[in-house]
Amino acid sequence: MAGAPVIIAAQVFDGKEPISGFRANAKITGPALGVRTLLKKHRAQLAKTRPLRVAGGDKIPPDIGKLLALRRKLLREKKADIFAQVVSELPLKDVARARLSELALEDLVPVGVLPFGPSASEESLSGPSGEPSGATTAEAATAATTLAASAQTGIMSAKFARTQEPGSYNVAVAAMGRSPVSKCRFVRRELVSVLIK
């Protein structure tokens, strides 16, 4: 729905193993103005415009045909593109286990499964040498619960809020890092389109 934020999430696997500790970012390309906004803004010009004919005999809605015809006319006159797009870039951040349900991402990480990657939990419950830190049983249990909730899940996420205009938004996500499973560097890319109504 227009105006509602879109949750962007990325997860990387090495074979069947989820991994963490990688970097990810998203590039979102969306309409500067949606079709409804364009129809209102250019109402007077569109009333005098004949719909553009599509090669091959394909049919398109008359309103879209008129917008396409107006766009062609304005571009020939060296004026701004009415179908201009806006590009936004967002860094994705690791989602702590405690926030998975808040973002409706809990199904991506099975209970009891943590990804391969750097984790602060073991060092936090022990000294730098791996020896127990001296915490009491109750303190250790509390610390373990807190660490489990804040542990890396291997899911990177960001919230994109600039969805005021209806239309198609292309989301290109790039993830990069070094896999702790195969010990190899990697770059993964994925593209999805989201229709905002």
C-alpha atoms as a PDB file:
ATOM      1  CA  MET A   1       0.000   0.000   0.000  1.00  0.00           C
ATOM      2  CA  ALA A   2       1.283   3.472  -0.897  1.00  0.00           C
ATOM      3  CA  GLY A   3       2.831   5.188   2.113  1.00  0.00           C
ATOM      4  CA  ALA A   4       3.488   1.955   4.007  1.00  0.00           C
ATOM      5  CA  PRO A   5       7.157   1.052   4.554  1.00  0.00           C
ATOM      6  CA  VAL A   6       8.685  -1.907   2.737  1.00  0.00           C
ATOM      7  CA  ILE A   7      10.930  -4.281   4.685  1.00  0.00           C
ATOM      8  CA  ILE A   8      13.980  -5.327   2.647  1.00  0.00           C
ATOM      9  CA  ALA A   9      15.769  -8.436   3.909  1.00  0.00           C
ATOM     10  CA  ALA A  10      18.755 -10.439   2.657  1.00  0.00           C
ATOM     11  CA  GLN A  11      20.119 -13.813   3.722  1.00  0.00           C
ATOM     12  CA  VAL A  12      23.210 -15.562   2.340  1.00  0.00           C
ATOM     13  CA  PHE A  13      23.872 -19.295   2.242  1.00  0.00           C
ATOM     14  CA  ASP A  14      27.071 -21.190   1.522  1.00  0.00           C
ATOM     15  CA  GLY A  15      25.644 -24.448   0.269  1.00  0.00           C
ATOM     16  CA  LYS A  16      22.917 -25.187   2.805  1.00  0.00           C
ATOM     17  CA  GLU A  17      24.536 -23.252   5.641  1.00  0.00           C
ATOM     18  CA  PRO A  18      23.344 -19.716   6.489  1.00  0.00           C
ATOM     19  CA  ILE A  19      26.216 -17.353   7.200  1.00  0.00           C
ATOM     20  CA  SER A  20      26.593 -14.001   8.955  1.00  0.00           C
ATOM     21  CA  GLY A  21      29.153 -11.238   9.182  1.00  0.00           C
ATOM     22  CA  PHE A  22      28.709  -9.979   5.615  1.00  0.00           C
ATOM     23  CA  ARG A  23      27.872  -6.488   4.323  1.00  0.00           C
ATOM     24  CA  ALA A  24      24.812  -5.675   2.249  1.00  0.00           C
ATOM     25  CA  ASN A  25      23.156  -2.681   0.690  1.00  0.00           C
ATOM     26  CA  ALA A  26      20.055  -2.036  -1.388  1.00  0.00           C
ATOM     27  CA  LYS A  27      19.415   0.301  -4.299  1.00  0.00           C
ATOM     28  CA  ILE A  28      15.724   1.109  -4.771  1.00  0.00           C
ATOM     29  CA  THR A  29      14.429   2.623  -7.996  1.00  0.00           C
ATOM     30  CA  GLY A  30      10.874   3.928  -7.933  1.00  0.00           C
ATOM     31  CA  PRO A  31       8.629   6.452  -9.673  1.00  0.00           C
ATOM     32  CA  ALA A  32       9.020  10.124  -8.887  1.00  0.00           C
ATOM     33  CA  LEU A  33       5.268  10.432  -9.588  1.00  0.00           C
ATOM     34  CA  GLY A  34       2.754   7.593  -9.843  1.00  0.00           C
ATOM     35  CA  VAL A  35       0.213   7.227 -12.642  1.00  0.00           C
ATOM     36  CA  ARG A  36      -2.659   8.661 -10.592  1.00  0.00           C
ATOM     37  CA  THR A  37      -0.593  11.718  -9.699  1.00  0.00           C
ATOM     38  CA  LEU A  38       0.463  12.203 -13.327  1.00  0.00           C
ATOM     39  CA  LEU A  39      -3.134  11.975 -14.560  1.00  0.00           C
ATOM     40  CA  LYS A  40      -4.170  14.722 -12.132  1.00  0.00           C
ATOM     41  CA  LYS A  41      -1.138  16.916 -12.778  1.00  0.00           C
ATOM     42  CA  HIS A  42      -1.449  16.819 -16.594  1.00  0.00           C
ATOM     43  CA  ARG A  43      -5.238  16.614 -16.850  1.00  0.00           C
ATOM     44  CA  ALA A  44      -5.577  19.625 -19.157  1.00  0.00           C
ATOM     45  CA  GLN A  45      -2.856  18.468 -21.576  1.00  0.00           C
ATOM     46  CA  LEU A  46      -4.114  14.887 -21.595  1.00  0.00           C
ATOM     47  CA  ALA A  47      -7.603  16.040 -22.584  1.00  0.00           C
ATOM     48  CA  LYS A  48      -6.096  17.214 -25.895  1.00  0.00           C
ATOM     49  CA  THR A  49      -3.811  14.214 -26.373  1.00  0.00           C
ATOM     50  CA  ARG A  50      -4.523  11.106 -28.438  1.00  0.00           C
ATOM     51  CA  PRO A  51      -3.325   7.783 -26.952  1.00  0.00           C
ATOM     52  CA  LEU A  52      -0.046   6.485 -28.331  1.00  0.00           C
ATOM     53  CA  ARG A  53      -0.392   3.437 -30.566  1.00  0.00           C
ATOM     54  CA  VAL A  54       1.761   0.504 -29.600  1.00  0.00           C
ATOM     55  CA  ALA A  55       3.623  -1.366 -32.348  1.00  0.00           C
ATOM     56  CA  GLY A  56       2.461  -4.914 -32.992  1.00  0.00           C
ATOM     57  CA  GLY A  57      -1.188  -4.247 -32.251  1.00  0.00           C
ATOM     58  CA  ASP A  58      -0.886  -4.605 -28.465  1.00  0.00           C
ATOM     59  CA  LYS A  59      -3.508  -2.719 -26.481  1.00  0.00           C
ATOM     60  CA  ILE A  60      -2.877  -0.559 -23.426  1.00  0.00           C
ATOM     61  CA  PRO A  61      -5.299   1.407 -21.249  1.00  0.00           C
ATOM     62  CA  PRO A  62      -6.240   4.759 -22.885  1.00  0.00           C
ATOM     63  CA  ASP A  63      -4.964   6.772 -19.897  1.00  0.00           C
ATOM     64  CA  ILE A  64      -1.549   5.097 -20.106  1.00  0.00           C
ATOM     65  CA  GLY A  65      -1.521   5.600 -23.883  1.00  0.00           C
ATOM     66  CA  LYS A  66      -2.162   9.316 -23.395  1.00  0.00           C
ATOM     67  CA  LEU A  67       0.609   9.600 -20.809  1.00  0.00           C
ATOM     68  CA  LEU A  68       3.033   7.855 -23.167  1.00  0.00           C
ATOM     69  CA  ALA A  69       2.066  10.192 -25.993  1.00  0.00           C
ATOM     70  CA  LEU A  70       2.490  13.235 -23.738  1.00  0.00           C
ATOM     71  CA  ARG A  71       5.861  11.949 -22.561  1.00  0.00           C
ATOM     72  CA  ARG A  72       7.079  11.558 -26.148  1.00  0.00           C
ATOM     73  CA  LYS A  73       5.904  15.093 -26.990  1.00  0.00           C
ATOM     74  CA  LEU A  74       7.595  16.648 -23.958  1.00  0.00           C
ATOM     75  CA  LEU A  75      10.865  14.789 -24.540  1.00  0.00           C
ATOM     76  CA  ARG A  76      10.932  16.018 -28.140  1.00  0.00           C
ATOM     77  CA  GLU A  77      10.556  19.522 -26.739  1.00  0.00           C
ATOM     78  CA  LYS A  78      13.555  18.835 -24.440  1.00  0.00           C
ATOM     79  CA  LYS A  79      11.370  18.958 -21.355  1.00  0.00           C
ATOM     80  CA  ALA A  80      11.500  16.827 -18.241  1.00  0.00           C
ATOM     81  CA  ASP A  81      10.549  13.162 -18.391  1.00  0.00           C
ATOM     82  CA  ILE A  82       7.162  12.734 -16.690  1.00  0.00           C
ATOM     83  CA  PHE A  83       8.108   9.113 -15.969  1.00  0.00           C
ATOM     84  CA  ALA A  84      11.311  10.114 -14.162  1.00  0.00           C
ATOM     85  CA  GLN A  85      12.521   7.739 -11.465  1.00  0.00           C
ATOM     86  CA  VAL A  86      14.056   8.286  -8.052  1.00  0.00           C
ATOM     87  CA  VAL A  87      16.979   6.157  -6.858  1.00  0.00           C
ATOM     88  CA  SER A  88      17.591   5.600  -3.151  1.00  0.00           C
ATOM     89  CA  GLU A  89      20.380   3.628  -1.468  1.00  0.00           C
ATOM     90  CA  LEU A  90      20.134   1.960   1.932  1.00  0.00           C
ATOM     91  CA  PRO A  91      22.674   0.007   3.987  1.00  0.00           C
ATOM     92  CA  LEU A  92      21.251  -3.216   5.408  1.00  0.00           C
ATOM     93  CA  LYS A  93      21.965  -4.027   9.049  1.00  0.00           C
ATOM     94  CA  ASP A  94      22.052  -7.328  10.910  1.00  0.00           C
ATOM     95  CA  VAL A  95      18.742  -8.133  12.594  1.00  0.00           C
ATOM     96  CA  ALA A  96      19.000  -9.344  16.195  1.00  0.00           C
ATOM     97  CA  ARG A  97      16.954 -12.444  16.970  1.00  0.00           C
ATOM     98  CA  ALA A  98      14.707 -10.435  19.308  1.00  0.00           C
ATOM     99  CA  ARG A  99      13.583  -8.203  16.398  1.00  0.00           C
ATOM    100  CA  LEU A 100      12.755 -10.957  13.898  1.00  0.00           C
ATOM    101  CA  SER A 101       9.078 -11.165  14.846  1.00  0.00           C
ATOM    102  CA  GLU A 102       8.760  -7.370  14.857  1.00  0.00           C
ATOM    103  CA  LEU A 103       9.844  -7.356  11.199  1.00  0.00           C
ATOM    104  CA  ALA A 104       7.862 -10.521  10.324  1.00  0.00           C
ATOM    105  CA  LEU A 105      11.125 -12.336   9.524  1.00  0.00           C
ATOM    106  CA  GLU A 106      11.032 -15.041  12.199  1.00  0.00           C
ATOM    107  CA  ASP A 107      10.361 -17.821   9.669  1.00  0.00           C
ATOM    108  CA  LEU A 108      13.767 -17.220   8.065  1.00  0.00           C
ATOM    109  CA  VAL A 109      15.682 -18.514  11.107  1.00  0.00           C
ATOM    110  CA  PRO A 110      14.565 -21.871  12.593  1.00  0.00           C
ATOM    111  CA  VAL A 111      14.546 -22.078  16.386  1.00  0.00           C
ATOM    112  CA  GLY A 112      17.946 -23.117  17.739  1.00  0.00           C
ATOM    113  CA  VAL A 113      19.776 -22.439  14.461  1.00  0.00           C
ATOM    114  CA  LEU A 114      22.450 -19.759  14.296  1.00  0.00           C
ATOM    115  CA  PRO A 115      24.436 -18.890  11.161  1.00  0.00           C
ATOM    116  CA  PHE A 116      28.137 -19.521  10.723  1.00  0.00           C
ATOM    117  CA  GLY A 117      30.041 -16.338  11.441  1.00  0.00           C
ATOM    118  CA  PRO A 118      31.538 -14.094  14.116  1.00  0.00           C
ATOM    119  CA  SER A 119      29.727 -14.159  17.441  1.00  0.00           C
ATOM    120  CA  ALA A 120      30.402 -12.268  20.656  1.00  0.00           C
ATOM    121  CA  SER A 121      28.459 -14.666  22.890  1.00  0.00           C
ATOM    122  CA  GLU A 122      31.244 -17.074  23.802  1.00  0.00           C
ATOM    123  CA  GLU A 123      33.767 -14.353  24.558  1.00  0.00           C
ATOM    124  CA  SER A 124      31.207 -12.397  26.587  1.00  0.00           C
ATOM    125  CA  LEU A 125      30.556 -15.377  28.873  1.00  0.00           C
ATOM    126  CA  SER A 126      34.249 -16.152  29.266  1.00  0.00           C
ATOM    127  CA  GLY A 127      37.506 -14.306  29.494  1.00  0.00           C
ATOM    128  CA  PRO A 128      39.739 -13.549  26.507  1.00  0.00           C
ATOM    129  CA  SER A 129      41.510 -16.877  27.037  1.00  0.00           C
ATOM    130  CA  GLY A 130      38.262 -18.833  27.044  1.00  0.00           C
ATOM    131  CA  GLU A 131      38.214 -19.310  30.830  1.00  0.00           C
ATOM    132  CA  PRO A 132      34.934 -18.713  32.726  1.00  0.00           C
ATOM    133  CA  SER A 133      34.451 -15.042  33.566  1.00  0.00           C
ATOM    134  CA  GLY A 134      33.482 -15.669  37.182  1.00  0.00           C
ATOM    135  CA  ALA A 135      29.794 -14.788  36.804  1.00  0.00           C
ATOM    136  CA  THR A 136      27.289 -16.549  39.052  1.00  0.00           C
ATOM    137  CA  THR A 137      24.929 -19.143  37.580  1.00  0.00           C
ATOM    138  CA  ALA A 138      22.023 -16.657  37.644  1.00  0.00           C
ATOM    139  CA  GLU A 139      24.129 -13.932  36.042  1.00  0.00           C
ATOM    140  CA  ALA A 140      25.376 -16.342  33.406  1.00  0.00           C
ATOM    141  CA  ALA A 141      21.813 -17.469  32.595  1.00  0.00           C
ATOM    142  CA  THR A 142      20.646 -13.867  32.279  1.00  0.00           C
ATOM    143  CA  ALA A 143      23.626 -13.014  30.095  1.00  0.00           C
ATOM    144  CA  ALA A 144      23.021 -16.060  27.917  1.00  0.00           C
ATOM    145  CA  THR A 145      19.369 -15.078  27.404  1.00  0.00           C
ATOM    146  CA  THR A 146      20.347 -11.500  26.512  1.00  0.00           C
ATOM    147  CA  LEU A 147      23.036 -12.683  24.126  1.00  0.00           C
ATOM    148  CA  ALA A 148      20.690 -15.140  22.444  1.00  0.00           C
ATOM    149  CA  ALA A 149      18.210 -12.336  21.826  1.00  0.00           C
ATOM    150  CA  SER A 150      20.908 -10.043  20.403  1.00  0.00           C
ATOM    151  CA  ALA A 151      22.857 -12.736  18.546  1.00  0.00           C
ATOM    152  CA  GLN A 152      23.527 -12.327  14.851  1.00  0.00           C
ATOM    153  CA  THR A 153      20.906 -14.079  12.769  1.00  0.00           C
ATOM    154  CA  GLY A 154      22.593 -13.728   9.401  1.00  0.00           C
ATOM    155  CA  ILE A 155      19.611 -11.705   8.184  1.00  0.00           C
ATOM    156  CA  MET A 156      20.371  -8.188   6.992  1.00  0.00           C
ATOM    157  CA  SER A 157      17.469  -5.785   6.790  1.00  0.00           C
ATOM    158  CA  ALA A 158      16.418  -2.197   6.174  1.00  0.00           C
ATOM    159  CA  LYS A 159      13.117  -0.334   6.129  1.00  0.00           C
ATOM    160  CA  PHE A 160      12.303   1.703   3.006  1.00  0.00           C
ATOM    161  CA  ALA A 161       9.698   4.368   3.750  1.00  0.00           C
ATOM    162  CA  ARG A 162       9.590   6.469   0.556  1.00  0.00           C
ATOM    163  CA  THR A 163       6.609   4.699  -0.983  1.00  0.00           C
ATOM    164  CA  GLN A 164       4.159   7.592  -1.190  1.00  0.00           C
ATOM    165  CA  GLU A 165       3.722   7.148  -4.952  1.00  0.00           C
ATOM    166  CA  PRO A 166       2.053   3.974  -6.274  1.00  0.00           C
ATOM    167  CA  GLY A 167       3.965   2.050  -8.923  1.00  0.00           C
ATOM    168  CA  SER A 168       6.682  -0.520  -9.458  1.00  0.00           C
ATOM    169  CA  TYR A 169       9.766  -0.316  -7.240  1.00  0.00           C
ATOM    170  CA  ASN A 170      12.875  -2.248  -8.276  1.00  0.00           C
ATOM    171  CA  VAL A 171      15.028  -3.390  -5.349  1.00  0.00           C
ATOM    172  CA  ALA A 172      18.607  -4.439  -6.169  1.00  0.00           C
ATOM    173  CA  VAL A 173      20.456  -5.988  -3.210  1.00  0.00           C
ATOM    174  CA  ALA A 174      24.209  -6.633  -3.144  1.00  0.00           C
ATOM    175  CA  ALA A 175      25.824  -8.737  -0.405  1.00  0.00           C
ATOM    176  CA  MET A 176      29.573  -9.172  -0.018  1.00  0.00           C
ATOM    177  CA  GLY A 177      32.021 -10.627   2.452  1.00  0.00           C
ATOM    178  CA  ARG A 178      33.990 -13.758   3.293  1.00  0.00           C
ATOM    179  CA  SER A 179      32.251 -17.041   3.973  1.00  0.00           C
ATOM    180  CA  PRO A 180      33.336 -18.726   7.232  1.00  0.00           C
ATOM    181  CA  VAL A 181      32.226 -22.045   5.690  1.00  0.00           C
ATOM    182  CA  SER A 182      34.250 -22.186   2.457  1.00  0.00           C
ATOM    183  CA  LYS A 183      36.750 -19.456   3.525  1.00  0.00           C
ATOM    184  CA  CYS A 184      36.161 -17.713   0.180  1.00  0.00           C
ATOM    185  CA  ARG A 185      35.214 -14.131  -0.574  1.00  0.00           C
ATOM    186  CA  PHE A 186      31.888 -13.630  -2.321  1.00  0.00           C
ATOM    187  CA  VAL A 187      29.605 -11.061  -3.946  1.00  0.00           C
ATOM    188  CA  ARG A 188      25.940 -11.920  -4.403  1.00  0.00           C
ATOM    189  CA  ARG A 189      23.348  -9.806  -6.229  1.00  0.00           C
ATOM    190  CA  GLU A 190      19.588 -10.144  -6.443  1.00  0.00           C
ATOM    191  CA  LEU A 191      16.839  -8.045  -8.032  1.00  0.00           C
ATOM    192  CA  VAL A 192      13.140  -8.047  -7.157  1.00  0.00           C
ATOM    193  CA  SER A 193      10.247  -5.783  -8.132  1.00  0.00           C
ATOM    194  CA  VAL A 194       7.614  -4.686  -5.642  1.00  0.00           C
ATOM    195  CA  LEU A 195       4.262  -3.310  -6.791  1.00  0.00           C
ATOM    196  CA  ILE A 196       2.972  -0.539  -4.531  1.00  0.00           C
ATOM    197  CA  LYS A 197      -0.748   0.120  -4.985  1.00  0.00           C
END
